[in-house]
């Protein structure tokens, strides 16, 4: 099966890595693409975007980076459509 996992910060990276380990134990042929961090990358699969490039805190920082944020959403949508996963998991 093909899995697409999105984790936007450190605790999501931790939970995502544990989930990915379980997926690979059950399905050794699993294809996983993900937005996450170092822990998920260590498990395997294809890292599309690291969460450190996605984090914006505070109203002003979000407004100042709105173009980047919207671009990331567009990139994510496009990547999901191209990969055509069987499952999408939001953490």
N, C-alpha and C. Protein backbone atom coordinates (compact mmCIF):
# COMPACT_ATOMS: atom_id res chain seq x y z
N UNK A 1 0.83 -1.19 0.00
CA UNK A 1 0.00 0.00 0.00
C UNK A 1 0.88 1.25 0.00
N UNK A 2 0.28 2.33 -0.41
CA UNK A 2 0.97 3.62 -0.43
C UNK A 2 0.38 4.52 0.66
N UNK A 3 1.27 5.07 1.49
CA UNK A 3 0.87 5.90 2.62
C UNK A 3 1.46 7.29 2.47
N UNK A 4 0.69 8.29 2.83
CA UNK A 4 1.16 9.68 2.86
C UNK A 4 0.89 10.19 4.26
N UNK A 5 1.95 10.59 4.97
CA UNK A 5 1.83 11.01 6.36
C UNK A 5 2.27 12.46 6.49
N UNK A 6 1.48 13.25 7.22
CA UNK A 6 1.81 14.65 7.45
C UNK A 6 1.90 14.90 8.95
N UNK A 7 3.09 15.28 9.40
CA UNK A 7 3.34 15.63 10.80
C UNK A 7 4.02 17.00 10.81
N UNK A 8 3.46 17.95 11.52
CA UNK A 8 3.94 19.32 11.43
C UNK A 8 4.86 19.81 12.52
N UNK A 9 5.18 18.95 13.50
CA UNK A 9 6.07 19.41 14.57
C UNK A 9 6.71 18.19 15.25
N UNK A 10 7.54 18.44 16.28
CA UNK A 10 8.39 17.40 16.87
C UNK A 10 7.60 16.22 17.45
N UNK A 11 6.53 16.48 18.18
CA UNK A 11 5.78 15.35 18.75
C UNK A 11 5.11 14.54 17.65
N UNK A 12 4.67 15.20 16.59
CA UNK A 12 4.11 14.48 15.44
C UNK A 12 5.16 13.63 14.76
N UNK A 13 6.40 14.13 14.72
CA UNK A 13 7.52 13.37 14.16
C UNK A 13 7.74 12.10 14.97
N UNK A 14 7.69 12.21 16.29
CA UNK A 14 7.85 11.04 17.17
C UNK A 14 6.74 10.02 16.92
N UNK A 15 5.50 10.47 16.96
CA UNK A 15 4.37 9.56 16.75
C UNK A 15 4.38 8.99 15.34
N UNK A 16 4.74 9.82 14.37
CA UNK A 16 4.82 9.37 12.99
C UNK A 16 5.88 8.29 12.80
N UNK A 17 7.02 8.46 13.46
CA UNK A 17 8.08 7.45 13.33
C UNK A 17 7.64 6.12 13.91
N UNK A 18 6.94 6.16 15.05
CA UNK A 18 6.44 4.91 15.64
C UNK A 18 5.39 4.26 14.74
N UNK A 19 4.52 5.07 14.17
CA UNK A 19 3.52 4.55 13.24
C UNK A 19 4.19 3.92 12.02
N UNK A 20 5.19 4.60 11.48
CA UNK A 20 5.88 4.07 10.30
C UNK A 20 6.57 2.75 10.60
N UNK A 21 7.16 2.61 11.79
CA UNK A 21 7.78 1.33 12.18
C UNK A 21 6.73 0.23 12.15
N UNK A 22 5.56 0.52 12.71
CA UNK A 22 4.48 -0.48 12.74
C UNK A 22 3.99 -0.81 11.33
N UNK A 23 3.88 0.21 10.50
CA UNK A 23 3.44 -0.03 9.11
C UNK A 23 4.43 -0.94 8.40
N UNK A 24 5.72 -0.65 8.53
CA UNK A 24 6.73 -1.47 7.85
C UNK A 24 6.78 -2.89 8.41
N UNK A 25 6.47 -3.07 9.71
CA UNK A 25 6.41 -4.43 10.28
C UNK A 25 5.27 -5.23 9.65
N UNK A 26 4.14 -4.58 9.42
CA UNK A 26 2.97 -5.26 8.85
C UNK A 26 3.03 -5.35 7.33
N UNK A 27 3.67 -4.38 6.70
CA UNK A 27 3.68 -4.29 5.24
C UNK A 27 5.09 -3.88 4.79
N UNK A 28 5.94 -4.87 4.59
CA UNK A 28 7.34 -4.58 4.24
C UNK A 28 7.47 -3.92 2.87
N UNK A 29 6.44 -4.01 2.04
CA UNK A 29 6.45 -3.40 0.72
C UNK A 29 5.81 -2.01 0.70
N UNK A 30 5.47 -1.50 1.88
CA UNK A 30 4.80 -0.20 1.98
C UNK A 30 5.65 0.90 1.35
N UNK A 31 4.98 1.81 0.65
CA UNK A 31 5.62 3.02 0.13
C UNK A 31 5.09 4.17 0.97
N UNK A 32 6.02 4.91 1.59
CA UNK A 32 5.61 6.01 2.45
C UNK A 32 6.30 7.30 2.02
N UNK A 33 5.50 8.32 1.78
CA UNK A 33 5.99 9.69 1.58
C UNK A 33 5.46 10.48 2.75
N UNK A 34 6.26 11.44 3.22
CA UNK A 34 5.81 12.16 4.41
C UNK A 34 6.39 13.55 4.52
N UNK A 35 5.65 14.38 5.26
CA UNK A 35 6.12 15.67 5.74
C UNK A 35 6.34 15.44 7.22
N UNK A 36 7.57 15.54 7.68
CA UNK A 36 7.87 15.21 9.07
C UNK A 36 9.25 15.69 9.45
N UNK A 37 9.97 14.84 10.19
CA UNK A 37 11.26 15.26 10.70
C UNK A 37 12.29 14.15 10.68
N UNK A 38 13.33 14.36 11.49
CA UNK A 38 14.47 13.45 11.52
C UNK A 38 14.10 12.03 11.95
N UNK A 39 13.22 11.91 12.95
CA UNK A 39 12.85 10.57 13.44
C UNK A 39 12.13 9.77 12.37
N UNK A 40 11.24 10.40 11.66
CA UNK A 40 10.54 9.71 10.57
C UNK A 40 11.51 9.37 9.45
N UNK A 41 12.44 10.26 9.19
CA UNK A 41 13.42 10.02 8.12
C UNK A 41 14.31 8.82 8.46
N UNK A 42 14.64 8.65 9.74
CA UNK A 42 15.46 7.52 10.16
C UNK A 42 14.77 6.18 9.90
N UNK A 43 13.44 6.17 9.99
CA UNK A 43 12.68 4.93 9.79
C UNK A 43 12.68 4.51 8.33
N UNK A 44 12.61 5.47 7.43
CA UNK A 44 12.60 5.16 6.00
C UNK A 44 11.51 5.95 5.29
N UNK A 45 11.28 5.61 4.06
CA UNK A 45 10.31 6.36 3.28
C UNK A 45 10.96 7.57 2.63
N UNK A 46 10.14 8.44 2.09
CA UNK A 46 10.62 9.62 1.38
C UNK A 46 10.16 10.88 2.09
N UNK A 47 11.12 11.65 2.59
CA UNK A 47 10.82 12.93 3.23
C UNK A 47 10.59 13.97 2.14
N UNK A 48 9.40 14.55 2.14
CA UNK A 48 9.07 15.58 1.15
C UNK A 48 9.46 16.95 1.68
N UNK A 49 9.13 17.22 2.95
CA UNK A 49 9.41 18.52 3.56
C UNK A 49 9.60 18.33 5.05
N UNK A 50 10.67 18.94 5.59
CA UNK A 50 10.95 18.85 7.03
C UNK A 50 10.08 19.85 7.78
N UNK A 51 9.60 19.45 8.95
CA UNK A 51 8.70 20.33 9.72
C UNK A 51 9.37 21.63 10.15
N UNK A 52 10.68 21.65 10.26
CA UNK A 52 11.36 22.90 10.68
C UNK A 52 11.16 24.01 9.64
N UNK A 53 10.87 23.62 8.40
CA UNK A 53 10.62 24.59 7.34
C UNK A 53 9.15 25.03 7.28
N UNK A 54 8.34 24.47 8.17
CA UNK A 54 6.90 24.74 8.14
C UNK A 54 6.41 25.55 9.33
N UNK A 55 7.25 25.69 10.35
CA UNK A 55 6.79 26.25 11.63
C UNK A 55 6.87 27.78 11.65
N UNK A 56 5.71 28.39 11.87
CA UNK A 56 5.63 29.84 12.03
C UNK A 56 4.80 30.11 13.28
N UNK A 57 5.35 30.88 14.20
CA UNK A 57 4.68 31.15 15.47
C UNK A 57 4.29 32.63 15.55
N UNK A 58 3.09 32.87 16.02
CA UNK A 58 2.65 34.25 16.23
C UNK A 58 1.94 34.81 15.02
N UNK A 59 1.04 35.74 15.30
CA UNK A 59 0.21 36.34 14.26
C UNK A 59 1.04 37.03 13.18
N UNK A 60 1.98 37.87 13.61
CA UNK A 60 2.78 38.64 12.65
C UNK A 60 3.62 37.73 11.76
N UNK A 61 4.24 36.72 12.36
CA UNK A 61 5.09 35.82 11.57
C UNK A 61 4.25 35.04 10.55
N UNK A 62 3.06 34.65 10.95
CA UNK A 62 2.18 33.94 10.01
C UNK A 62 1.80 34.86 8.85
N UNK A 63 1.41 36.09 9.15
CA UNK A 63 1.04 37.05 8.10
C UNK A 63 2.21 37.32 7.17
N UNK A 64 3.40 37.52 7.75
CA UNK A 64 4.58 37.81 6.94
C UNK A 64 4.99 36.63 6.06
N UNK A 65 4.62 35.42 6.46
CA UNK A 65 5.00 34.22 5.72
C UNK A 65 3.81 33.54 5.05
N UNK A 66 2.73 34.26 4.88
CA UNK A 66 1.52 33.68 4.32
C UNK A 66 1.75 33.10 2.92
N UNK A 67 2.54 33.78 2.11
CA UNK A 67 2.83 33.28 0.76
C UNK A 67 3.54 31.92 0.83
N UNK A 68 4.49 31.80 1.75
CA UNK A 68 5.21 30.54 1.93
C UNK A 68 4.27 29.44 2.42
N UNK A 69 3.43 29.78 3.39
CA UNK A 69 2.49 28.81 3.95
C UNK A 69 1.54 28.31 2.87
N UNK A 70 0.97 29.22 2.11
CA UNK A 70 0.05 28.82 1.04
C UNK A 70 0.76 28.02 -0.05
N UNK A 71 2.02 28.38 -0.32
CA UNK A 71 2.81 27.61 -1.28
C UNK A 71 3.06 26.19 -0.81
N UNK A 72 3.30 26.03 0.50
CA UNK A 72 3.50 24.69 1.06
C UNK A 72 2.23 23.86 0.96
N UNK A 73 1.09 24.48 1.21
CA UNK A 73 -0.19 23.77 1.09
C UNK A 73 -0.39 23.31 -0.36
N UNK A 74 -0.09 24.19 -1.30
CA UNK A 74 -0.23 23.85 -2.72
C UNK A 74 0.72 22.72 -3.10
N UNK A 75 1.97 22.79 -2.61
CA UNK A 75 2.95 21.74 -2.89
C UNK A 75 2.49 20.40 -2.31
N UNK A 76 1.95 20.43 -1.11
CA UNK A 76 1.47 19.21 -0.46
C UNK A 76 0.33 18.59 -1.27
N UNK A 77 -0.62 19.41 -1.65
CA UNK A 77 -1.76 18.93 -2.44
C UNK A 77 -1.29 18.30 -3.75
N UNK A 78 -0.38 18.97 -4.42
CA UNK A 78 0.14 18.48 -5.69
C UNK A 78 0.88 17.15 -5.50
N UNK A 79 1.70 17.07 -4.45
CA UNK A 79 2.47 15.86 -4.20
C UNK A 79 1.55 14.69 -3.87
N UNK A 80 0.50 14.95 -3.10
CA UNK A 80 -0.47 13.89 -2.78
C UNK A 80 -1.13 13.39 -4.06
N UNK A 81 -1.53 14.30 -4.93
CA UNK A 81 -2.19 13.90 -6.17
C UNK A 81 -1.26 13.09 -7.07
N UNK A 82 0.02 13.47 -7.13
CA UNK A 82 0.98 12.74 -7.97
C UNK A 82 1.28 11.36 -7.39
N UNK A 83 1.42 11.28 -6.07
CA UNK A 83 1.75 10.01 -5.41
C UNK A 83 0.55 9.06 -5.40
N UNK A 84 -0.65 9.63 -5.32
CA UNK A 84 -1.89 8.86 -5.31
C UNK A 84 -1.89 7.77 -4.23
N UNK A 85 -1.79 8.17 -2.96
CA UNK A 85 -1.71 7.17 -1.89
C UNK A 85 -3.04 6.46 -1.64
N UNK A 86 -2.93 5.27 -1.05
CA UNK A 86 -4.12 4.55 -0.61
C UNK A 86 -4.65 5.15 0.69
N UNK A 87 -3.73 5.70 1.48
CA UNK A 87 -4.08 6.24 2.80
C UNK A 87 -3.35 7.56 3.02
N UNK A 88 -4.07 8.55 3.57
CA UNK A 88 -3.45 9.81 4.01
C UNK A 88 -3.65 9.89 5.51
N UNK A 89 -2.56 10.15 6.24
CA UNK A 89 -2.62 10.21 7.70
C UNK A 89 -2.13 11.57 8.16
N UNK A 90 -2.98 12.28 8.88
CA UNK A 90 -2.63 13.58 9.46
C UNK A 90 -2.33 13.37 10.94
N UNK A 91 -1.16 13.83 11.38
CA UNK A 91 -0.79 13.70 12.80
C UNK A 91 -0.77 15.08 13.41
